[in-house]
Amino acid sequence: LLAAAPDHPRAAESVLSIANCQIEMKDSAGARKTLTELVRDYPQSEAAQAARERLAKLR
């Protein structure tokens, strides 16, 4: 979805799902990178707010 349609209405949710998978796989560095990109690329999305909260817990 992200490669084909980065402007899709659910793109930010998709990025958040990827980060959640990384967290479950104990890939904290990857999750931090993904969450940071989500906040940068989709700052006004609801997913970005959730990403900010998850980032605070990962640091």
PDB file of N, CA and C in Angstrom:
ATOM      1  N   LEU A   1       0.830  -1.198   0.000  1.00  0.00           N
ATOM      2  CA  LEU A   1       0.000   0.000   0.000  1.00  0.00           C
ATOM      3  C   LEU A   1       0.867   1.252   0.000  1.00  0.00           C
ATOM      4  N   LEU A   2       1.887   1.257   0.842  1.00  0.00           N
ATOM      5  CA  LEU A   2       2.690   2.473   0.968  1.00  0.00           C
ATOM      6  C   LEU A   2       3.451   2.801  -0.305  1.00  0.00           C
ATOM      7  N   ALA A   3       4.031   1.798  -0.933  1.00  0.00           N
ATOM      8  CA  ALA A   3       4.794   2.051  -2.156  1.00  0.00           C
ATOM      9  C   ALA A   3       3.877   2.466  -3.301  1.00  0.00           C
ATOM     10  N   ALA A   4       2.723   1.837  -3.381  1.00  0.00           N
ATOM     11  CA  ALA A   4       1.808   2.107  -4.487  1.00  0.00           C
ATOM     12  C   ALA A   4       0.970   3.361  -4.277  1.00  0.00           C
ATOM     13  N   ALA A   5       0.631   3.649  -3.034  1.00  0.00           N
ATOM     14  CA  ALA A   5      -0.281   4.771  -2.763  1.00  0.00           C
ATOM     15  C   ALA A   5       0.035   5.436  -1.425  1.00  0.00           C
ATOM     16  N   PRO A   6       1.149   6.157  -1.356  1.00  0.00           N
ATOM     17  CA  PRO A   6       1.514   6.789  -0.081  1.00  0.00           C
ATOM     18  C   PRO A   6       0.523   7.841   0.405  1.00  0.00           C
ATOM     19  N   ASP A   7      -0.341   8.313  -0.486  1.00  0.00           N
ATOM     20  CA  ASP A   7      -1.347   9.307  -0.100  1.00  0.00           C
ATOM     21  C   ASP A   7      -2.701   8.686   0.217  1.00  0.00           C
ATOM     22  N   HIS A   8      -2.753   7.382   0.247  1.00  0.00           N
ATOM     23  CA  HIS A   8      -4.007   6.685   0.559  1.00  0.00           C
ATOM     24  C   HIS A   8      -4.458   7.084   1.968  1.00  0.00           C
ATOM     25  N   PRO A   9      -5.757   7.213   2.198  1.00  0.00           N
ATOM     26  CA  PRO A   9      -6.259   7.620   3.518  1.00  0.00           C
ATOM     27  C   PRO A   9      -5.818   6.703   4.666  1.00  0.00           C
ATOM     28  N   ARG A  10      -5.491   5.458   4.375  1.00  0.00           N
ATOM     29  CA  ARG A  10      -5.090   4.535   5.441  1.00  0.00           C
ATOM     30  C   ARG A  10      -3.584   4.291   5.480  1.00  0.00           C
ATOM     31  N   ALA A  11      -2.817   5.077   4.746  1.00  0.00           N
ATOM     32  CA  ALA A  11      -1.369   4.882   4.697  1.00  0.00           C
ATOM     33  C   ALA A  11      -0.736   5.034   6.079  1.00  0.00           C
ATOM     34  N   ALA A  12      -1.120   6.054   6.815  1.00  0.00           N
ATOM     35  CA  ALA A  12      -0.536   6.271   8.143  1.00  0.00           C
ATOM     36  C   ALA A  12      -0.843   5.097   9.065  1.00  0.00           C
ATOM     37  N   GLU A  13      -2.050   4.565   8.982  1.00  0.00           N
ATOM     38  CA  GLU A  13      -2.409   3.390   9.784  1.00  0.00           C
ATOM     39  C   GLU A  13      -1.539   2.198   9.412  1.00  0.00           C
ATOM     40  N   SER A  14      -1.217   2.072   8.139  1.00  0.00           N
ATOM     41  CA  SER A  14      -0.370   0.973   7.687  1.00  0.00           C
ATOM     42  C   SER A  14       1.027   1.087   8.285  1.00  0.00           C
ATOM     43  N   VAL A  15       1.550   2.295   8.312  1.00  0.00           N
ATOM     44  CA  VAL A  15       2.873   2.509   8.898  1.00  0.00           C
ATOM     45  C   VAL A  15       2.836   2.179  10.389  1.00  0.00           C
ATOM     46  N   LEU A  16       1.785   2.581  11.066  1.00  0.00           N
ATOM     47  CA  LEU A  16       1.649   2.279  12.486  1.00  0.00           C
ATOM     48  C   LEU A  16       1.583   0.769  12.708  1.00  0.00           C
ATOM     49  N   SER A  17       0.914   0.061  11.841  1.00  0.00           N
ATOM     50  CA  SER A  17       0.838  -1.399  11.949  1.00  0.00           C
ATOM     51  C   SER A  17       2.217  -2.032  11.794  1.00  0.00           C
ATOM     52  N   ILE A  18       3.001  -1.504  10.872  1.00  0.00           N
ATOM     53  CA  ILE A  18       4.367  -2.005  10.698  1.00  0.00           C
ATOM     54  C   ILE A  18       5.162  -1.789  11.983  1.00  0.00           C
ATOM     55  N   ALA A  19       5.061  -0.603  12.559  1.00  0.00           N
ATOM     56  CA  ALA A  19       5.779  -0.305  13.799  1.00  0.00           C
ATOM     57  C   ALA A  19       5.316  -1.215  14.931  1.00  0.00           C
ATOM     58  N   ASN A  20       4.022  -1.477  15.008  1.00  0.00           N
ATOM     59  CA  ASN A  20       3.510  -2.370  16.050  1.00  0.00           C
ATOM     60  C   ASN A  20       4.094  -3.768  15.899  1.00  0.00           C
ATOM     61  N   CYS A  21       4.215  -4.235  14.668  1.00  0.00           N
ATOM     62  CA  CYS A  21       4.833  -5.548  14.426  1.00  0.00           C
ATOM     63  C   CYS A  21       6.296  -5.533  14.859  1.00  0.00           C
ATOM     64  N   GLN A  22       6.998  -4.460  14.554  1.00  0.00           N
ATOM     65  CA  GLN A  22       8.399  -4.352  14.954  1.00  0.00           C
ATOM     66  C   GLN A  22       8.528  -4.372  16.475  1.00  0.00           C
ATOM     67  N   ILE A  23       7.625  -3.704  17.161  1.00  0.00           N
ATOM     68  CA  ILE A  23       7.649  -3.698  18.624  1.00  0.00           C
ATOM     69  C   ILE A  23       7.431  -5.110  19.151  1.00  0.00           C
ATOM     70  N   GLU A  24       6.461  -5.822  18.594  1.00  0.00           N
ATOM     71  CA  GLU A  24       6.186  -7.190  19.039  1.00  0.00           C
ATOM     72  C   GLU A  24       7.357  -8.118  18.763  1.00  0.00           C
ATOM     73  N   MET A  25       8.123  -7.832  17.707  1.00  0.00           N
ATOM     74  CA  MET A  25       9.280  -8.655  17.371  1.00  0.00           C
ATOM     75  C   MET A  25      10.529  -8.201  18.131  1.00  0.00           C
ATOM     76  N   LYS A  26      10.354  -7.263  19.058  1.00  0.00           N
ATOM     77  CA  LYS A  26      11.450  -6.735  19.880  1.00  0.00           C
ATOM     78  C   LYS A  26      12.495  -5.976  19.061  1.00  0.00           C
ATOM     79  N   ASP A  27      12.072  -5.396  17.936  1.00  0.00           N
ATOM     80  CA  ASP A  27      12.949  -4.584  17.098  1.00  0.00           C
ATOM     81  C   ASP A  27      12.721  -3.114  17.443  1.00  0.00           C
ATOM     82  N   SER A  28      13.219  -2.709  18.598  1.00  0.00           N
ATOM     83  CA  SER A  28      12.983  -1.343  19.077  1.00  0.00           C
ATOM     84  C   SER A  28      13.583  -0.293  18.151  1.00  0.00           C
ATOM     85  N   ALA A  29      14.775  -0.553  17.641  1.00  0.00           N
ATOM     86  CA  ALA A  29      15.419   0.422  16.753  1.00  0.00           C
ATOM     87  C   ALA A  29      14.599   0.599  15.475  1.00  0.00           C
ATOM     88  N   GLY A  30      14.146  -0.488  14.904  1.00  0.00           N
ATOM     89  CA  GLY A  30      13.325  -0.412  13.700  1.00  0.00           C
ATOM     90  C   GLY A  30      12.008   0.285  13.966  1.00  0.00           C
ATOM     91  N   ALA A  31      11.404  -0.016  15.109  1.00  0.00           N
ATOM     92  CA  ALA A  31      10.133   0.612  15.473  1.00  0.00           C
ATOM     93  C   ALA A  31      10.304   2.115  15.663  1.00  0.00           C
ATOM     94  N   ARG A  32      11.381   2.522  16.326  1.00  0.00           N
ATOM     95  CA  ARG A  32      11.637   3.958  16.514  1.00  0.00           C
ATOM     96  C   ARG A  32      11.775   4.659  15.160  1.00  0.00           C
ATOM     97  N   LYS A  33      12.499   4.031  14.244  1.00  0.00           N
ATOM     98  CA  LYS A  33      12.684   4.611  12.910  1.00  0.00           C
ATOM     99  C   LYS A  33      11.341   4.724  12.186  1.00  0.00           C
ATOM    100  N   THR A  34      10.563   3.666  12.210  1.00  0.00           N
ATOM    101  CA  THR A  34       9.269   3.662  11.530  1.00  0.00           C
ATOM    102  C   THR A  34       8.326   4.695  12.138  1.00  0.00           C
ATOM    103  N   LEU A  35       8.275   4.758  13.464  1.00  0.00           N
ATOM    104  CA  LEU A  35       7.395   5.712  14.134  1.00  0.00           C
ATOM    105  C   LEU A  35       7.818   7.156  13.854  1.00  0.00           C
ATOM    106  N   THR A  36       9.119   7.388  13.835  1.00  0.00           N
ATOM    107  CA  THR A  36       9.629   8.728  13.537  1.00  0.00           C
ATOM    108  C   THR A  36       9.255   9.138  12.116  1.00  0.00           C
ATOM    109  N   GLU A  37       9.370   8.202  11.176  1.00  0.00           N
ATOM    110  CA  GLU A  37       8.980   8.489   9.794  1.00  0.00           C
ATOM    111  C   GLU A  37       7.478   8.759   9.696  1.00  0.00           C
ATOM    112  N   LEU A  38       6.692   8.023  10.449  1.00  0.00           N
ATOM    113  CA  LEU A  38       5.237   8.231  10.444  1.00  0.00           C
ATOM    114  C   LEU A  38       4.907   9.648  10.901  1.00  0.00           C
ATOM    115  N   VAL A  39       5.512  10.069  12.003  1.00  0.00           N
ATOM    116  CA  VAL A  39       5.258  11.418  12.530  1.00  0.00           C
ATOM    117  C   VAL A  39       5.715  12.475  11.523  1.00  0.00           C
ATOM    118  N   ARG A  40       6.839  12.220  10.869  1.00  0.00           N
ATOM    119  CA  ARG A  40       7.353  13.170   9.876  1.00  0.00           C
ATOM    120  C   ARG A  40       6.455  13.239   8.633  1.00  0.00           C
ATOM    121  N   ASP A  41       6.034  12.075   8.142  1.00  0.00           N
ATOM    122  CA  ASP A  41       5.309  12.019   6.872  1.00  0.00           C
ATOM    123  C   ASP A  41       3.805  12.283   6.996  1.00  0.00           C
ATOM    124  N   TYR A  42       3.234  11.971   8.154  1.00  0.00           N
ATOM    125  CA  TYR A  42       1.780  12.115   8.354  1.00  0.00           C
ATOM    126  C   TYR A  42       1.501  12.822   9.684  1.00  0.00           C
ATOM    127  N   PRO A  43       2.048  14.015   9.889  1.00  0.00           N
ATOM    128  CA  PRO A  43       1.999  14.663  11.208  1.00  0.00           C
ATOM    129  C   PRO A  43       0.606  14.960  11.747  1.00  0.00           C
ATOM    130  N   GLN A  44      -0.372  15.150  10.886  1.00  0.00           N
ATOM    131  CA  GLN A  44      -1.714  15.508  11.345  1.00  0.00           C
ATOM    132  C   GLN A  44      -2.636  14.305  11.525  1.00  0.00           C
ATOM    133  N   SER A  45      -2.133  13.122  11.274  1.00  0.00           N
ATOM    134  CA  SER A  45      -2.982  11.928  11.346  1.00  0.00           C
ATOM    135  C   SER A  45      -3.171  11.459  12.790  1.00  0.00           C
ATOM    136  N   GLU A  46      -4.245  10.719  13.002  1.00  0.00           N
ATOM    137  CA  GLU A  46      -4.464  10.104  14.312  1.00  0.00           C
ATOM    138  C   GLU A  46      -3.360   9.100  14.600  1.00  0.00           C
ATOM    139  N   ALA A  47      -2.883   8.427  13.569  1.00  0.00           N
ATOM    140  CA  ALA A  47      -1.805   7.459  13.741  1.00  0.00           C
ATOM    141  C   ALA A  47      -0.531   8.142  14.237  1.00  0.00           C
ATOM    142  N   ALA A  48      -0.298   9.374  13.813  1.00  0.00           N
ATOM    143  CA  ALA A  48       0.883  10.107  14.271  1.00  0.00           C
ATOM    144  C   ALA A  48       0.817  10.369  15.769  1.00  0.00           C
ATOM    145  N   GLN A  49      -0.362  10.655  16.279  1.00  0.00           N
ATOM    146  CA  GLN A  49      -0.507  10.854  17.723  1.00  0.00           C
ATOM    147  C   GLN A  49      -0.181   9.564  18.466  1.00  0.00           C
ATOM    148  N   ALA A  50      -0.688   8.455  17.977  1.00  0.00           N
ATOM    149  CA  ALA A  50      -0.374   7.160  18.588  1.00  0.00           C
ATOM    150  C   ALA A  50       1.125   6.878  18.481  1.00  0.00           C
ATOM    151  N   ALA A  51       1.723   7.257  17.363  1.00  0.00           N
ATOM    152  CA  ALA A  51       3.162   7.054  17.172  1.00  0.00           C
ATOM    153  C   ALA A  51       3.963   7.861  18.184  1.00  0.00           C
ATOM    154  N   ARG A  52       3.552   9.083  18.430  1.00  0.00           N
ATOM    155  CA  ARG A  52       4.251   9.912  19.429  1.00  0.00           C
ATOM    156  C   ARG A  52       4.198   9.252  20.809  1.00  0.00           C
ATOM    157  N   GLU A  53       3.049   8.698  21.153  1.00  0.00           N
ATOM    158  CA  GLU A  53       2.901   8.035  22.449  1.00  0.00           C
ATOM    159  C   GLU A  53       3.789   6.797  22.529  1.00  0.00           C
ATOM    160  N   ARG A  54       3.835   6.014  21.460  1.00  0.00           N
ATOM    161  CA  ARG A  54       4.672   4.813  21.453  1.00  0.00           C
ATOM    162  C   ARG A  54       6.154   5.185  21.496  1.00  0.00           C
ATOM    163  N   LEU A  55       6.526   6.241  20.784  1.00  0.00           N
ATOM    164  CA  LEU A  55       7.916   6.695  20.818  1.00  0.00           C
ATOM    165  C   LEU A  55       8.333   7.081  22.229  1.00  0.00           C
ATOM    166  N   ALA A  56       7.461   7.756  22.942  1.00  0.00           N
ATOM    167  CA  ALA A  56       7.776   8.162  24.314  1.00  0.00           C
ATOM    168  C   ALA A  56       8.033   6.946  25.196  1.00  0.00           C
ATOM    169  N   LYS A  57       7.301   5.866  24.961  1.00  0.00           N
ATOM    170  CA  LYS A  57       7.479   4.649  25.755  1.00  0.00           C
ATOM    171  C   LYS A  57       8.735   3.882  25.361  1.00  0.00           C
ATOM    172  N   LEU A  58       9.170   4.019  24.109  1.00  0.00           N
ATOM    173  CA  LEU A  58      10.342   3.288  23.630  1.00  0.00           C
ATOM    174  C   LEU A  58      11.652   3.945  24.034  1.00  0.00           C
ATOM    175  N   ARG A  59      11.615   5.203  24.396  1.00  0.00           N
ATOM    176  CA  ARG A  59      12.869   5.911  24.700  1.00  0.00           C
ATOM    177  C   ARG A  59      13.323   5.679  26.096  1.00  0.00           C
TER     178      ARG A  59
END
